[in-house]
Amino acid sequence: MELGTLILYAKDMQRTARFYSEHFGYETSGEVHDGLIELRPAAGGAEILIHQAAKSLKLGSAAIKLSFSVRDVPQFVEAARERGLVFGAVHQANGYAFANAKDPDGNSVSVSSRRFRG
């Protein structure tokens, strides 16, 4: 069994789709089909579906973090900053690095080199 799809609720579906496309390389037409915007990973992994959030939903309060695997965390963080996405400090932990940020809806995202540790 494999985790194949993540569904994220968003206030502005187009803005959230652009965020994951621009900063994490997901491919999308940006079109809404069946109430969802589909984002496909360019390099493998789970797809992301963006769903319109109900007005009553408090975004950013769920206990979830999307973690993207990158080989060079400091380099990715610097490139993201140049594109307007600011991460917190780069942390070192047991042979790998990671850094955290938020998406437009307040969901936690991180980049981590854990998968590539020797």
C-alpha atoms as a PDB file:
ATOM      1  CA  MET A   1       0.000   0.000   0.000  1.00  0.00           C
ATOM      2  CA  GLU A   2       1.184   3.530  -0.765  1.00  0.00           C
ATOM      3  CA  LEU A   3       0.034   7.014   0.192  1.00  0.00           C
ATOM      4  CA  GLY A   4      -0.952   8.370  -3.207  1.00  0.00           C
ATOM      5  CA  THR A   5      -2.948  11.556  -2.643  1.00  0.00           C
ATOM      6  CA  LEU A   6      -3.077  14.444  -0.175  1.00  0.00           C
ATOM      7  CA  ILE A   7      -6.163  16.667  -0.123  1.00  0.00           C
ATOM      8  CA  LEU A   8      -5.601  20.231   1.069  1.00  0.00           C
ATOM      9  CA  TYR A   9      -8.414  22.650   1.830  1.00  0.00           C
ATOM     10  CA  ALA A  10      -7.791  26.206   0.649  1.00  0.00           C
ATOM     11  CA  LYS A  11      -9.503  29.581   0.862  1.00  0.00           C
ATOM     12  CA  ASP A  12      -8.146  30.506  -2.573  1.00  0.00           C
ATOM     13  CA  MET A  13      -7.664  27.317  -4.582  1.00  0.00           C
ATOM     14  CA  GLN A  14      -5.741  28.988  -7.425  1.00  0.00           C
ATOM     15  CA  ARG A  15      -3.311  30.724  -5.038  1.00  0.00           C
ATOM     16  CA  THR A  16      -2.600  27.492  -3.181  1.00  0.00           C
ATOM     17  CA  ALA A  17      -2.123  25.540  -6.436  1.00  0.00           C
ATOM     18  CA  ARG A  18       0.349  28.200  -7.666  1.00  0.00           C
ATOM     19  CA  PHE A  19       2.247  27.980  -4.351  1.00  0.00           C
ATOM     20  CA  TYR A  20       2.917  24.232  -4.691  1.00  0.00           C
ATOM     21  CA  SER A  21       3.615  24.543  -8.412  1.00  0.00           C
ATOM     22  CA  GLU A  22       6.058  27.459  -8.117  1.00  0.00           C
ATOM     23  CA  HIS A  23       7.889  26.394  -4.963  1.00  0.00           C
ATOM     24  CA  PHE A  24       7.811  22.583  -5.079  1.00  0.00           C
ATOM     25  CA  GLY A  25       7.634  21.791  -8.810  1.00  0.00           C
ATOM     26  CA  TYR A  26       4.147  20.292  -8.945  1.00  0.00           C
ATOM     27  CA  GLU A  27       2.527  20.330 -12.382  1.00  0.00           C
ATOM     28  CA  THR A  28      -1.051  21.550 -12.824  1.00  0.00           C
ATOM     29  CA  SER A  29      -3.351  23.056 -15.388  1.00  0.00           C
ATOM     30  CA  GLY A  30      -4.893  25.111 -12.584  1.00  0.00           C
ATOM     31  CA  GLU A  31      -8.340  24.131 -13.816  1.00  0.00           C
ATOM     32  CA  VAL A  32     -11.044  23.039 -11.383  1.00  0.00           C
ATOM     33  CA  HIS A  33     -12.543  19.615 -12.191  1.00  0.00           C
ATOM     34  CA  ASP A  34     -15.148  18.027  -9.914  1.00  0.00           C
ATOM     35  CA  GLY A  35     -14.419  20.745  -7.344  1.00  0.00           C
ATOM     36  CA  LEU A  36     -10.676  19.991  -7.196  1.00  0.00           C
ATOM     37  CA  ILE A  37      -7.423  21.267  -8.668  1.00  0.00           C
ATOM     38  CA  GLU A  38      -5.029  18.395  -9.315  1.00  0.00           C
ATOM     39  CA  LEU A  39      -1.282  18.818  -8.798  1.00  0.00           C
ATOM     40  CA  ARG A  40       1.029  16.089 -10.064  1.00  0.00           C
ATOM     41  CA  PRO A  41       4.560  15.644  -8.716  1.00  0.00           C
ATOM     42  CA  ALA A  42       7.216  16.141 -11.388  1.00  0.00           C
ATOM     43  CA  ALA A  43       9.647  13.744  -9.700  1.00  0.00           C
ATOM     44  CA  GLY A  44       7.344  11.093  -8.210  1.00  0.00           C
ATOM     45  CA  GLY A  45       5.517  10.960  -4.920  1.00  0.00           C
ATOM     46  CA  ALA A  46       1.982  11.732  -3.815  1.00  0.00           C
ATOM     47  CA  GLU A  47      -0.307  13.959  -5.846  1.00  0.00           C
ATOM     48  CA  ILE A  48      -2.007  16.915  -4.157  1.00  0.00           C
ATOM     49  CA  LEU A  49      -5.655  17.793  -4.665  1.00  0.00           C
ATOM     50  CA  ILE A  50      -6.740  21.316  -3.713  1.00  0.00           C
ATOM     51  CA  HIS A  51     -10.341  21.505  -2.438  1.00  0.00           C
ATOM     52  CA  GLN A  52     -12.303  24.668  -1.659  1.00  0.00           C
ATOM     53  CA  ALA A  53     -12.466  25.142   2.117  1.00  0.00           C
ATOM     54  CA  ALA A  54     -15.815  25.725   3.767  1.00  0.00           C
ATOM     55  CA  LYS A  55     -16.115  29.180   5.313  1.00  0.00           C
ATOM     56  CA  SER A  56     -16.444  27.552   8.753  1.00  0.00           C
ATOM     57  CA  LEU A  57     -13.160  25.612   8.440  1.00  0.00           C
ATOM     58  CA  LYS A  58     -10.300  27.060  10.496  1.00  0.00           C
ATOM     59  CA  LEU A  59      -7.306  26.616   8.222  1.00  0.00           C
ATOM     60  CA  GLY A  60      -3.813  25.926   9.523  1.00  0.00           C
ATOM     61  CA  SER A  61      -5.087  24.278  12.701  1.00  0.00           C
ATOM     62  CA  ALA A  62      -4.712  20.625  11.666  1.00  0.00           C
ATOM     63  CA  ALA A  63      -1.817  18.601  13.030  1.00  0.00           C
ATOM     64  CA  ILE A  64      -0.149  17.871   9.696  1.00  0.00           C
ATOM     65  CA  LYS A  65       3.032  18.921   7.940  1.00  0.00           C
ATOM     66  CA  LEU A  66       3.974  18.243   4.333  1.00  0.00           C
ATOM     67  CA  SER A  67       7.672  17.414   4.124  1.00  0.00           C
ATOM     68  CA  PHE A  68       9.454  17.582   0.765  1.00  0.00           C
ATOM     69  CA  SER A  69      12.709  15.681   0.268  1.00  0.00           C
ATOM     70  CA  VAL A  70      15.594  17.753  -1.104  1.00  0.00           C
ATOM     71  CA  ARG A  71      19.302  16.917  -1.165  1.00  0.00           C
ATOM     72  CA  ASP A  72      20.590  20.399  -0.268  1.00  0.00           C
ATOM     73  CA  VAL A  73      18.315  22.152   2.226  1.00  0.00           C
ATOM     74  CA  PRO A  74      20.281  25.437   2.527  1.00  0.00           C
ATOM     75  CA  GLN A  75      20.436  25.780  -1.271  1.00  0.00           C
ATOM     76  CA  PHE A  76      16.684  25.097  -1.625  1.00  0.00           C
ATOM     77  CA  VAL A  77      15.850  27.547   1.181  1.00  0.00           C
ATOM     78  CA  GLU A  78      17.914  30.291  -0.485  1.00  0.00           C
ATOM     79  CA  ALA A  79      16.338  29.670  -3.906  1.00  0.00           C
ATOM     80  CA  ALA A  80      12.857  29.690  -2.320  1.00  0.00           C
ATOM     81  CA  ARG A  81      13.637  33.000  -0.579  1.00  0.00           C
ATOM     82  CA  GLU A  82      14.546  34.521  -3.942  1.00  0.00           C
ATOM     83  CA  ARG A  83      11.099  33.434  -5.213  1.00  0.00           C
ATOM     84  CA  GLY A  84       9.332  34.920  -2.178  1.00  0.00           C
ATOM     85  CA  LEU A  85       8.952  31.894   0.118  1.00  0.00           C
ATOM     86  CA  VAL A  86      10.710  32.446   3.437  1.00  0.00           C
ATOM     87  CA  PHE A  87      11.679  29.424   5.524  1.00  0.00           C
ATOM     88  CA  GLY A  88      12.777  29.532   9.141  1.00  0.00           C
ATOM     89  CA  ALA A  89      16.262  28.549  10.242  1.00  0.00           C
ATOM     90  CA  VAL A  90      17.920  25.471   8.779  1.00  0.00           C
ATOM     91  CA  HIS A  91      18.218  22.873  11.561  1.00  0.00           C
ATOM     92  CA  GLN A  92      20.656  19.940  11.766  1.00  0.00           C
ATOM     93  CA  ALA A  93      19.444  16.617  13.196  1.00  0.00           C
ATOM     94  CA  ASN A  94      21.105  13.185  13.176  1.00  0.00           C
ATOM     95  CA  GLY A  95      22.857  13.537   9.829  1.00  0.00           C
ATOM     96  CA  TYR A  96      20.265  15.547   7.935  1.00  0.00           C
ATOM     97  CA  ALA A  97      18.970  19.107   7.669  1.00  0.00           C
ATOM     98  CA  PHE A  98      15.460  20.553   7.599  1.00  0.00           C
ATOM     99  CA  ALA A  99      13.664  23.907   7.517  1.00  0.00           C
ATOM    100  CA  ASN A 100      10.027  24.918   7.990  1.00  0.00           C
ATOM    101  CA  ALA A 101       7.593  27.363   6.363  1.00  0.00           C
ATOM    102  CA  LYS A 102       3.831  27.860   5.880  1.00  0.00           C
ATOM    103  CA  ASP A 103       1.697  27.660   2.749  1.00  0.00           C
ATOM    104  CA  PRO A 104      -0.837  30.415   1.917  1.00  0.00           C
ATOM    105  CA  ASP A 105      -3.471  28.715   4.109  1.00  0.00           C
ATOM    106  CA  GLY A 106      -1.213  28.344   7.152  1.00  0.00           C
ATOM    107  CA  ASN A 107      -0.414  24.647   6.636  1.00  0.00           C
ATOM    108  CA  SER A 108       3.054  23.623   7.781  1.00  0.00           C
ATOM    109  CA  VAL A 109       5.519  22.612   5.086  1.00  0.00           C
ATOM    110  CA  SER A 110       9.138  21.605   5.408  1.00  0.00           C
ATOM    111  CA  VAL A 111      12.080  20.591   3.299  1.00  0.00           C
ATOM    112  CA  SER A 112      14.322  17.840   4.599  1.00  0.00           C
ATOM    113  CA  SER A 113      17.393  15.916   3.474  1.00  0.00           C
ATOM    114  CA  ARG A 114      16.531  12.987   5.794  1.00  0.00           C
ATOM    115  CA  ARG A 115      15.784  10.639   2.871  1.00  0.00           C
ATOM    116  CA  PHE A 116      19.312  11.213   1.514  1.00  0.00           C
ATOM    117  CA  ARG A 117      21.333  10.819   4.716  1.00  0.00           C
ATOM    118  CA  GLY A 118      24.192   8.394   4.424  1.00  0.00           C
END
